Amino acid sequence: MENRTYTADADPGESVTVAGWVHELRDLGGIAFLILRDTTGKIQIKFEKDEMDDDLVDTGLNVARESVISVTGEVDEEPRAPTGVEITPDSVEVVAEADTELPLDPSGKVDADLSTRLDNRTLDLRKEEVQAIFTIRAEIQHAAREQFRDLDCTEINTPKIVATGTEGGTELFPITYFGEEAFMNQSPQLFKQLIAGSNVERVFEIGPIFRAEEHNTPRHLNEATSIDFEGAFCDQHEAMDVAEAVVTAVYEAVDANCQDELDALGLAEEFEVPTGEFPRLSYEEAIERINATGELDEQLLWGDDLPTEGEVALGEDVGEHYFITDWPSEIKPFYIMDQDGDDQLSTGFDLMHPQMELVSGGQREHRYDHLIEGFEQQGLDPEAFDYYTKMFKYGMPPHAGFGLGGERLVMTLLGLDNIREGVLFPRDRQRLSP
């Protein structure tokens, strides 16, 4: 809009045109106030009924909340106004009228359940605290990219339509691709390994992944954002260093650049940036500490995966971000390399927030014969992955990497109750629209 001034830039003594949404109307008899909201904040519009044109007053005071309007007028200092200034209007234009019955209240005075909010996400995003979540989410991805670049990584984009699943199993979304069966990719895993095996060496990707898993919980999605790293001539320890650096950089960036958003969410006082190195516990130590908490009905045994309640108990015990290392080979994917001299232990690791797992990673198997054995041991047909396996015949260096759940990072950083709060338009078993 030509000559538009944002509300945050409206200074006393200026004649301005502001545009936005009708946030609130207060009619006090001889005087009335309209609060206009735009992306930078709110500003008060004052209507002195006896001193203004009747049509101007009628237009300003009869417009429905959340209608889009444009107001031109003089900005005056007014300490009693919400932002210390107000506009006395010369003209009010209704750009887009809103229905008087709204499915939710963008002012936040009347609560709506999460399902209603997600069904009406455009209205929901007009709330300051909801916008704050997605401003912080954007900062998280920006900070992750900057940290990867500082670590000499090249950003890549890998296919999301594939001929075979990354890990096989029942978590695949099949699609029809020109008469042939194809799948939505579960992970960029195989492709990022192939690129790390080229002369590029260190790569990262931030992009969507798809998993047809049955879980329908506050921490699971069927379309998610994965923050991935892969580095040639890296082992699992170096990959953990990168994961720690990225997560720490994200917290530092949010702390430095998103104080207004943290304040809108009531988190400014309690937000803490991780300091020091994240503890690294072996899998064996992790199950011993979980068992020692007494929170589980049955003691964990070697080879058990960690149940959610076990992760929570261990997280409360550790009290900060931490790694679990040295996982049993049998419960890690085929592409995770075993440790030298012990085929029962893998190089796999997980990075944990006290609430949940954030990262899964490890050193990859780069030796062709061992890779084929890994496929066969997990019941997968190596020939179906020929595009991937054959490249390991042509000089594949040792390499390691990880995948970091983008939404889980947002959820844990902000303490959200449900992962869907950090997704604009979430996809789960019940939600395909909007």
Protein backbone atom coordinates (compact mmCIF):
# COMPACT_ATOMS: atom_id res chain seq x y z
CA MET A 1 0.00 0.00 0.00
CA GLU A 2 1.49 3.30 -1.07
CA ASN A 3 2.53 5.72 1.70
CA ARG A 4 1.55 3.27 4.43
CA THR A 5 3.12 3.75 7.87
CA TYR A 6 3.45 0.84 10.30
CA THR A 7 1.93 1.52 13.69
CA ALA A 8 5.30 1.18 15.44
CA ASP A 9 6.66 4.01 13.26
CA ALA A 10 3.80 6.48 13.82
CA ASP A 11 5.37 9.50 15.58
CA PRO A 12 3.55 12.49 17.14
CA GLY A 13 3.12 15.46 14.82
CA GLU A 14 2.96 13.37 11.65
CA SER A 15 0.05 12.78 9.31
CA VAL A 16 0.05 9.08 8.49
CA THR A 17 -1.91 6.32 6.83
CA VAL A 18 -2.00 3.07 8.80
CA ALA A 19 -3.63 -0.17 7.73
CA GLY A 20 -4.45 -3.38 9.55
CA TRP A 21 -7.13 -5.23 11.45
CA VAL A 22 -9.76 -3.94 13.86
CA HIS A 23 -8.57 -5.42 17.15
CA GLU A 24 -11.03 -3.82 19.55
CA LEU A 25 -13.75 -1.14 19.78
CA ARG A 26 -14.60 0.82 22.94
CA ASP A 27 -17.56 3.22 22.85
CA LEU A 28 -17.65 5.50 25.90
CA GLY A 29 -20.52 7.73 24.78
CA GLY A 30 -19.24 11.04 23.48
CA ILE A 31 -15.89 9.53 22.66
CA ALA A 32 -14.92 6.14 21.24
CA PHE A 33 -11.70 4.29 20.52
CA LEU A 34 -10.77 1.80 17.84
CA ILE A 35 -7.60 -0.25 18.30
CA LEU A 36 -5.95 -1.05 14.96
CA ARG A 37 -3.43 -3.90 14.80
CA ASP A 38 -0.75 -4.54 12.22
CA THR A 39 2.34 -6.73 12.12
CA THR A 40 4.35 -4.27 14.24
CA GLY A 41 1.83 -3.69 17.03
CA LYS A 42 -1.31 -1.72 17.86
CA ILE A 43 -2.38 1.91 17.77
CA GLN A 44 -5.39 3.76 19.16
CA ILE A 45 -7.76 5.66 16.85
CA LYS A 46 -9.83 8.33 18.67
CA PHE A 47 -13.33 9.34 17.59
CA GLU A 48 -14.77 12.49 19.20
CA LYS A 49 -18.33 12.13 17.99
CA ASP A 50 -19.53 15.72 18.32
CA GLU A 51 -16.51 17.13 16.52
CA MET A 52 -16.35 14.69 13.57
CA ASP A 53 -18.33 14.02 10.44
CA ASP A 54 -21.15 11.57 11.18
CA ASP A 55 -20.28 9.33 8.23
CA LEU A 56 -16.67 9.08 9.42
CA VAL A 57 -17.78 8.11 12.92
CA ASP A 58 -20.32 5.60 11.60
CA THR A 59 -17.73 3.96 9.37
CA GLY A 60 -15.20 3.67 12.17
CA LEU A 61 -17.54 2.44 14.88
CA ASN A 62 -19.79 0.09 12.95
CA VAL A 63 -17.07 -2.01 11.38
CA ALA A 64 -16.82 -5.59 12.69
CA ARG A 65 -13.79 -6.77 14.64
CA GLU A 66 -11.03 -8.28 12.46
CA SER A 67 -12.12 -6.28 9.43
CA VAL A 68 -9.23 -4.79 7.45
CA ILE A 69 -9.24 -1.00 7.45
CA SER A 70 -7.07 1.92 6.39
CA VAL A 71 -6.95 5.07 8.52
CA THR A 72 -5.42 8.45 7.66
CA GLY A 73 -4.97 11.11 10.29
CA GLU A 74 -2.80 13.12 12.65
CA VAL A 75 -0.68 11.33 15.27
CA ASP A 76 -0.82 12.89 18.75
CA GLU A 77 0.98 12.03 21.94
CA GLU A 78 -1.38 10.46 24.47
CA PRO A 79 0.18 8.88 27.59
CA ARG A 80 -3.08 7.09 28.46
CA ALA A 81 -3.16 5.26 25.11
CA PRO A 82 -1.78 1.70 25.05
CA THR A 83 1.31 2.75 23.06
CA GLY A 84 1.55 6.40 24.16
CA VAL A 85 0.17 7.81 20.89
CA GLU A 86 -3.16 7.95 19.13
CA ILE A 87 -4.50 8.98 15.74
CA THR A 88 -7.33 11.44 15.15
CA PRO A 89 -8.72 10.22 11.82
CA ASP A 90 -9.45 12.31 8.75
CA SER A 91 -10.65 9.24 6.82
CA VAL A 92 -11.44 5.59 7.45
CA GLU A 93 -11.68 3.06 4.62
CA VAL A 94 -13.04 -0.45 5.13
CA VAL A 95 -10.82 -2.57 2.90
CA ALA A 96 -12.29 -5.97 3.75
CA GLU A 97 -15.28 -6.49 6.05
CA ALA A 98 -15.17 -9.45 8.46
CA ASP A 99 -18.15 -11.53 9.55
CA THR A 100 -19.53 -10.56 12.92
CA GLU A 101 -19.44 -14.21 14.07
CA LEU A 102 -15.83 -15.38 14.33
CA PRO A 103 -14.90 -19.04 14.95
CA LEU A 104 -12.36 -17.93 17.56
CA ASP A 105 -11.34 -14.74 19.32
CA PRO A 106 -8.02 -13.38 18.00
CA SER A 107 -7.81 -11.01 20.97
CA GLY A 108 -7.31 -14.04 23.19
CA LYS A 109 -9.96 -12.97 25.70
CA VAL A 110 -11.94 -16.13 24.95
CA ASP A 111 -9.93 -19.35 24.81
CA ALA A 112 -10.30 -21.88 21.98
CA ASP A 113 -9.19 -25.51 21.97
CA LEU A 114 -6.25 -26.52 19.81
CA SER A 115 -8.40 -28.25 17.19
CA THR A 116 -10.46 -25.08 16.63
CA ARG A 117 -7.28 -23.02 16.45
CA LEU A 118 -5.74 -25.31 13.83
CA ASP A 119 -8.97 -25.35 11.80
CA ASN A 120 -8.79 -21.52 11.71
CA ARG A 121 -5.03 -21.00 11.66
CA THR A 122 -5.21 -17.65 9.84
CA LEU A 123 -7.26 -16.17 12.68
CA ASP A 124 -5.15 -17.93 15.29
CA LEU A 125 -1.96 -16.38 13.86
CA ARG A 126 -3.34 -12.92 14.57
CA LYS A 127 -2.62 -13.52 18.27
CA GLU A 128 0.67 -12.04 19.44
CA GLU A 129 1.75 -15.17 21.30
CA VAL A 130 1.06 -17.46 18.32
CA GLN A 131 2.99 -15.18 15.96
CA ALA A 132 5.82 -15.26 18.50
CA ILE A 133 6.11 -19.05 18.17
CA PHE A 134 6.63 -18.85 14.42
CA THR A 135 8.97 -15.88 14.59
CA ILE A 136 11.10 -17.95 16.96
CA ARG A 137 10.78 -21.00 14.71
CA ALA A 138 12.13 -18.92 11.82
CA GLU A 139 15.02 -17.73 14.00
CA ILE A 140 15.78 -21.34 14.95
CA GLN A 141 16.13 -22.37 11.31
CA HIS A 142 18.15 -19.26 10.46
CA ALA A 143 20.53 -19.89 13.36
CA ALA A 144 20.92 -23.56 12.43
CA ARG A 145 21.80 -22.61 8.85
CA GLU A 146 24.34 -20.04 10.01
CA GLN A 147 25.99 -22.53 12.35
CA PHE A 148 26.22 -25.17 9.63
CA ARG A 149 27.80 -22.60 7.31
CA ASP A 150 30.27 -21.66 10.02
CA LEU A 151 31.20 -25.35 10.08
CA ASP A 152 31.90 -25.30 6.32
CA CYS A 153 28.76 -27.23 5.37
CA THR A 154 26.99 -26.88 2.01
CA GLU A 155 23.19 -26.75 2.00
CA ILE A 156 21.54 -29.39 -0.20
CA ASN A 157 18.03 -30.39 -1.27
CA THR A 158 17.24 -34.06 -1.70
CA PRO A 159 14.23 -35.81 -3.34
CA LYS A 160 11.03 -36.24 -1.40
CA ILE A 161 9.62 -38.79 -3.87
CA VAL A 162 11.63 -42.00 -3.86
CA ALA A 163 11.52 -45.52 -5.26
CA THR A 164 12.34 -47.16 -1.92
CA GLY A 165 11.98 -46.14 1.71
CA THR A 166 14.99 -45.07 3.71
CA GLU A 167 14.34 -47.61 6.42
CA GLY A 168 11.62 -49.81 4.89
CA GLY A 169 8.88 -51.07 7.18
CA THR A 170 5.29 -49.96 7.58
CA GLU A 171 6.01 -46.26 8.05
CA LEU A 172 5.98 -45.52 4.32
CA PHE A 173 3.46 -43.34 2.49
CA PRO A 174 2.95 -45.00 -0.94
CA ILE A 175 1.98 -42.85 -3.92
CA THR A 176 1.35 -43.50 -7.61
CA TYR A 177 4.11 -42.04 -9.76
CA PHE A 178 3.22 -42.24 -13.47
CA GLY A 179 1.73 -45.70 -12.98
CA GLU A 180 4.50 -46.96 -10.73
CA GLU A 181 4.59 -47.27 -6.96
CA ALA A 182 6.73 -44.71 -5.20
CA PHE A 183 6.96 -43.35 -1.67
CA MET A 184 7.25 -40.09 0.22
CA ASN A 185 10.74 -40.04 1.69
CA GLN A 186 11.16 -40.86 5.38
CA SER A 187 14.52 -39.11 5.58
CA PRO A 188 17.25 -37.63 3.38
CA GLN A 189 19.57 -40.23 4.95
CA LEU A 190 20.67 -42.22 1.91
CA PHE A 191 21.01 -39.21 -0.37
CA LYS A 192 23.00 -37.12 2.07
CA GLN A 193 25.39 -40.05 2.53
CA LEU A 194 25.90 -40.24 -1.22
CA ILE A 195 26.64 -36.52 -1.41
CA ALA A 196 29.02 -36.71 1.56
CA GLY A 197 30.80 -39.40 -0.45
CA SER A 198 31.41 -36.93 -3.25
CA ASN A 199 33.97 -34.16 -3.07
CA VAL A 200 31.46 -31.90 -1.28
CA GLU A 201 32.12 -33.75 2.01
CA ARG A 202 30.08 -31.74 4.57
CA VAL A 203 26.41 -31.12 3.86
CA PHE A 204 23.20 -30.13 5.63
CA GLU A 205 19.53 -29.97 4.76
CA ILE A 206 16.44 -28.49 6.42
CA GLY A 207 13.38 -30.01 4.81
CA PRO A 208 10.23 -32.14 5.15
CA ILE A 209 10.11 -35.83 5.96
CA PHE A 210 7.10 -38.16 5.93
CA ARG A 211 6.32 -41.08 8.22
CA ALA A 212 3.10 -43.09 8.19
CA GLU A 213 3.49 -44.08 11.82
CA GLU A 214 0.48 -44.95 13.92
CA HIS A 215 1.41 -42.77 16.89
CA ASN A 216 -1.09 -40.01 17.58
CA THR A 217 0.49 -38.22 20.52
CA PRO A 218 1.39 -34.63 21.45
CA ARG A 219 4.95 -35.25 20.18
CA HIS A 220 4.36 -37.09 16.86
CA LEU A 221 3.62 -35.82 13.34
CA ASN A 222 3.28 -37.54 9.97
CA GLU A 223 4.93 -34.65 8.12
CA ALA A 224 7.81 -33.07 9.98
CA THR A 225 10.87 -30.89 9.42
CA SER A 226 14.24 -32.59 9.69
CA ILE A 227 17.49 -30.71 10.25
CA ASP A 228 20.16 -33.02 8.82
CA PHE A 229 23.95 -33.13 8.76
CA GLU A 230 26.39 -35.50 7.10
CA GLY A 231 30.17 -35.19 7.05
CA ALA A 232 32.85 -37.20 5.29
CA PHE A 233 35.89 -38.19 7.32
CA CYS A 234 33.80 -37.69 10.47
CA ASP A 235 33.13 -40.19 13.23
CA GLN A 236 30.26 -40.26 15.70
CA HIS A 237 32.10 -38.05 18.18
CA GLU A 238 32.55 -35.26 15.62
CA ALA A 239 28.90 -35.58 14.58
CA MET A 240 27.89 -35.16 18.22
CA ASP A 241 30.05 -32.04 18.40
CA VAL A 242 28.18 -30.60 15.43
CA ALA A 243 24.76 -31.44 16.93
CA GLU A 244 25.74 -29.80 20.21
CA ALA A 245 27.03 -26.71 18.40
CA VAL A 246 23.82 -26.34 16.37
CA VAL A 247 21.47 -26.70 19.34
CA THR A 248 23.54 -24.28 21.44
CA ALA A 249 23.69 -21.75 18.58
CA VAL A 250 19.91 -21.92 18.22
CA TYR A 251 19.35 -21.12 21.90
CA GLU A 252 21.90 -18.28 21.75
CA ALA A 253 20.20 -16.75 18.69
CA VAL A 254 16.73 -16.91 20.22
CA ASP A 255 18.04 -15.34 23.42
CA ALA A 256 19.79 -12.55 21.48
CA ASN A 257 17.13 -11.80 18.86
CA CYS A 258 13.72 -12.86 20.17
CA GLN A 259 13.29 -11.23 23.57
CA ASP A 260 10.00 -9.57 22.56
CA GLU A 261 8.65 -12.92 21.40
CA LEU A 262 9.84 -14.70 24.54
CA ASP A 263 8.14 -11.97 26.56
CA ALA A 264 4.88 -12.46 24.63
CA LEU A 265 5.03 -16.14 25.57
CA GLY A 266 5.87 -15.40 29.21
CA LEU A 267 9.30 -17.01 28.86
CA ALA A 268 11.69 -14.06 28.94
CA GLU A 269 12.64 -14.46 32.60
CA GLU A 270 13.08 -18.23 32.61
CA PHE A 271 14.70 -18.83 29.21
CA GLU A 272 18.12 -20.41 29.62
CA VAL A 273 20.89 -20.98 27.07
CA PRO A 274 22.77 -24.28 27.48
CA THR A 275 26.29 -23.78 28.79
CA GLY A 276 29.20 -26.17 28.70
CA GLU A 277 29.40 -29.56 27.01
CA PHE A 278 26.38 -31.85 26.99
CA PRO A 279 26.90 -34.97 29.14
CA ARG A 280 27.50 -38.19 27.17
CA LEU A 281 26.04 -41.32 28.76
CA SER A 282 26.47 -44.80 27.37
CA TYR A 283 23.31 -46.79 26.66
CA GLU A 284 24.27 -49.15 29.48
CA GLU A 285 24.62 -46.26 31.92
CA ALA A 286 21.31 -44.80 30.71
CA ILE A 287 19.28 -47.94 31.43
CA GLU A 288 21.00 -48.34 34.81
CA ARG A 289 20.05 -44.78 35.78
CA ILE A 290 16.49 -45.24 34.52
CA ASN A 291 16.13 -48.45 36.50
CA ALA A 292 17.51 -46.71 39.59
CA THR A 293 14.75 -44.08 39.46
CA GLY A 294 12.12 -46.74 40.19
CA GLU A 295 9.70 -45.03 37.77
CA LEU A 296 9.16 -48.09 35.54
CA ASP A 297 6.98 -51.07 36.38
CA GLU A 298 9.60 -53.41 34.91
CA GLN A 299 13.37 -53.02 34.86
CA LEU A 300 14.93 -52.35 31.48
CA LEU A 301 17.22 -55.02 30.06
CA TRP A 302 20.10 -54.76 27.59
CA GLY A 303 18.62 -54.46 24.09
CA ASP A 304 15.38 -52.75 25.16
CA ASP A 305 14.48 -49.50 23.48
CA LEU A 306 13.82 -46.66 25.91
CA PRO A 307 10.11 -46.12 26.63
CA THR A 308 8.75 -42.59 26.88
CA GLU A 309 8.41 -42.79 30.65
CA GLY A 310 12.03 -43.97 30.83
CA GLU A 311 13.21 -41.02 28.79
CA VAL A 312 11.28 -38.64 31.05
CA ALA A 313 12.71 -40.22 34.22
CA LEU A 314 16.26 -40.05 32.88
CA GLY A 315 15.74 -36.49 31.67
CA GLU A 316 14.64 -35.40 35.13
CA ASP A 317 17.68 -37.14 36.58
CA VAL A 318 20.16 -35.50 34.17
CA GLY A 319 18.42 -32.13 34.08
CA GLU A 320 19.92 -30.81 30.82
CA HIS A 321 20.58 -31.76 27.19
CA TYR A 322 22.60 -34.98 27.02
CA PHE A 323 23.71 -37.71 24.62
CA ILE A 324 23.11 -41.44 24.84
CA THR A 325 25.91 -43.31 23.06
CA ASP A 326 27.04 -46.89 22.40
CA TRP A 327 23.61 -48.28 21.52
CA PRO A 328 23.16 -52.02 20.84
CA SER A 329 23.66 -52.69 17.14
CA GLU A 330 20.43 -54.68 16.88
CA ILE A 331 18.18 -51.70 17.59
CA LYS A 332 19.88 -49.22 15.25
CA PRO A 333 19.30 -48.95 11.45
CA PHE A 334 21.33 -50.96 8.94
CA TYR A 335 23.44 -47.99 7.90
CA ILE A 336 24.82 -47.38 11.42
CA MET A 337 28.35 -48.75 11.75
CA ASP A 338 29.35 -51.16 14.52
CA GLN A 339 32.18 -50.21 16.83
CA ASP A 340 35.63 -51.56 16.05
CA GLY A 341 36.11 -54.97 17.61
CA ASP A 342 32.54 -55.29 18.96
CA ASP A 343 29.68 -56.08 16.59
CA GLN A 344 27.21 -55.90 19.49
CA LEU A 345 27.79 -52.17 19.98
CA SER A 346 26.96 -49.52 17.40
CA THR A 347 28.35 -46.05 16.86
CA GLY A 348 24.80 -44.72 17.08
CA PHE A 349 23.87 -41.87 19.40
CA ASP A 350 20.80 -39.89 20.41
CA LEU A 351 20.74 -36.30 21.64
CA MET A 352 18.12 -35.89 24.32
CA HIS A 353 16.29 -32.95 25.81
CA PRO A 354 15.11 -33.74 29.35
CA GLN A 355 11.62 -34.17 27.88
CA MET A 356 12.31 -36.22 24.74
CA GLU A 357 14.68 -37.34 21.99
CA LEU A 358 15.77 -34.61 19.58
CA VAL A 359 18.50 -36.21 17.45
CA SER A 360 19.39 -39.63 16.13
CA GLY A 361 22.77 -40.12 14.50
CA GLY A 362 25.99 -42.07 14.28
CA GLN A 363 28.87 -43.10 12.09
CA ARG A 364 27.71 -44.79 8.88
CA GLU A 365 28.86 -48.09 7.47
CA HIS A 366 31.05 -47.15 4.50
CA ARG A 367 32.36 -50.64 3.64
CA TYR A 368 30.34 -52.23 0.85
CA ASP A 369 30.35 -55.83 2.12
CA HIS A 370 29.39 -54.83 5.64
CA LEU A 371 26.63 -52.58 4.30
CA ILE A 372 25.09 -55.43 2.30
CA GLU A 373 25.22 -57.65 5.39
CA GLY A 374 23.37 -54.95 7.33
CA PHE A 375 20.56 -54.90 4.77
CA GLU A 376 20.18 -58.65 4.92
CA GLN A 377 20.22 -58.77 8.72
CA GLN A 378 17.29 -56.34 8.84
CA GLY A 379 15.29 -58.19 6.19
CA LEU A 380 15.77 -55.59 3.44
CA ASP A 381 16.58 -56.43 -0.18
CA PRO A 382 19.91 -54.79 -1.13
CA GLU A 383 18.97 -54.89 -4.83
CA ALA A 384 16.07 -52.53 -4.17
CA PHE A 385 18.65 -49.98 -2.97
CA ASP A 386 21.12 -50.51 -5.81
CA TYR A 387 21.29 -46.77 -6.60
CA TYR A 388 22.65 -46.33 -3.08
CA THR A 389 24.77 -49.40 -2.46
CA LYS A 390 26.68 -49.39 -5.75
CA MET A 391 28.24 -46.03 -4.90
CA PHE A 392 29.99 -47.70 -1.99
CA LYS A 393 32.05 -49.62 -4.55
CA TYR A 394 33.60 -46.43 -5.84
CA GLY A 395 35.54 -45.10 -2.87
CA MET A 396 33.19 -44.13 -0.04
CA PRO A 397 35.02 -42.39 2.83
CA PRO A 398 34.14 -42.88 6.50
CA HIS A 399 31.30 -40.51 7.35
CA ALA A 400 28.87 -39.65 10.11
CA GLY A 401 25.82 -37.49 10.65
CA PHE A 402 22.47 -36.99 12.30
CA GLY A 403 18.86 -35.94 11.89
CA LEU A 404 17.41 -33.35 14.29
CA GLY A 405 13.64 -33.01 14.65
CA GLY A 406 12.82 -29.38 13.85
CA GLU A 407 9.42 -29.35 15.53
CA ARG A 408 10.73 -31.15 18.59
CA LEU A 409 13.42 -28.49 18.90
CA VAL A 410 10.75 -25.77 18.78
CA MET A 411 8.55 -27.68 21.23
CA THR A 412 11.26 -28.26 23.84
CA LEU A 413 12.86 -24.82 23.49
CA LEU A 414 9.50 -23.13 24.15
CA GLY A 415 7.99 -25.72 26.47
CA LEU A 416 4.94 -26.26 24.25
CA ASP A 417 2.36 -28.80 25.41
CA ASN A 418 1.69 -30.12 21.91
CA ILE A 419 4.06 -30.31 18.94
CA ARG A 420 1.24 -29.09 16.65
CA GLU A 421 1.41 -25.66 18.28
CA GLY A 422 4.76 -25.18 16.53
CA VAL A 423 3.50 -26.17 13.06
CA LEU A 424 1.52 -23.83 10.83
CA PHE A 425 -0.59 -26.54 9.21
CA PRO A 426 0.16 -29.87 10.91
CA ARG A 427 -0.37 -33.25 9.30
CA ASP A 428 -1.31 -36.17 11.52
CA ARG A 429 -3.67 -39.13 11.34
CA GLN A 430 -6.74 -36.91 11.76
CA ARG A 431 -5.69 -33.74 9.96
CA LEU A 432 -5.24 -33.31 6.22
CA SER A 433 -6.84 -29.85 5.94
CA PRO A 434 -6.20 -26.95 6.06
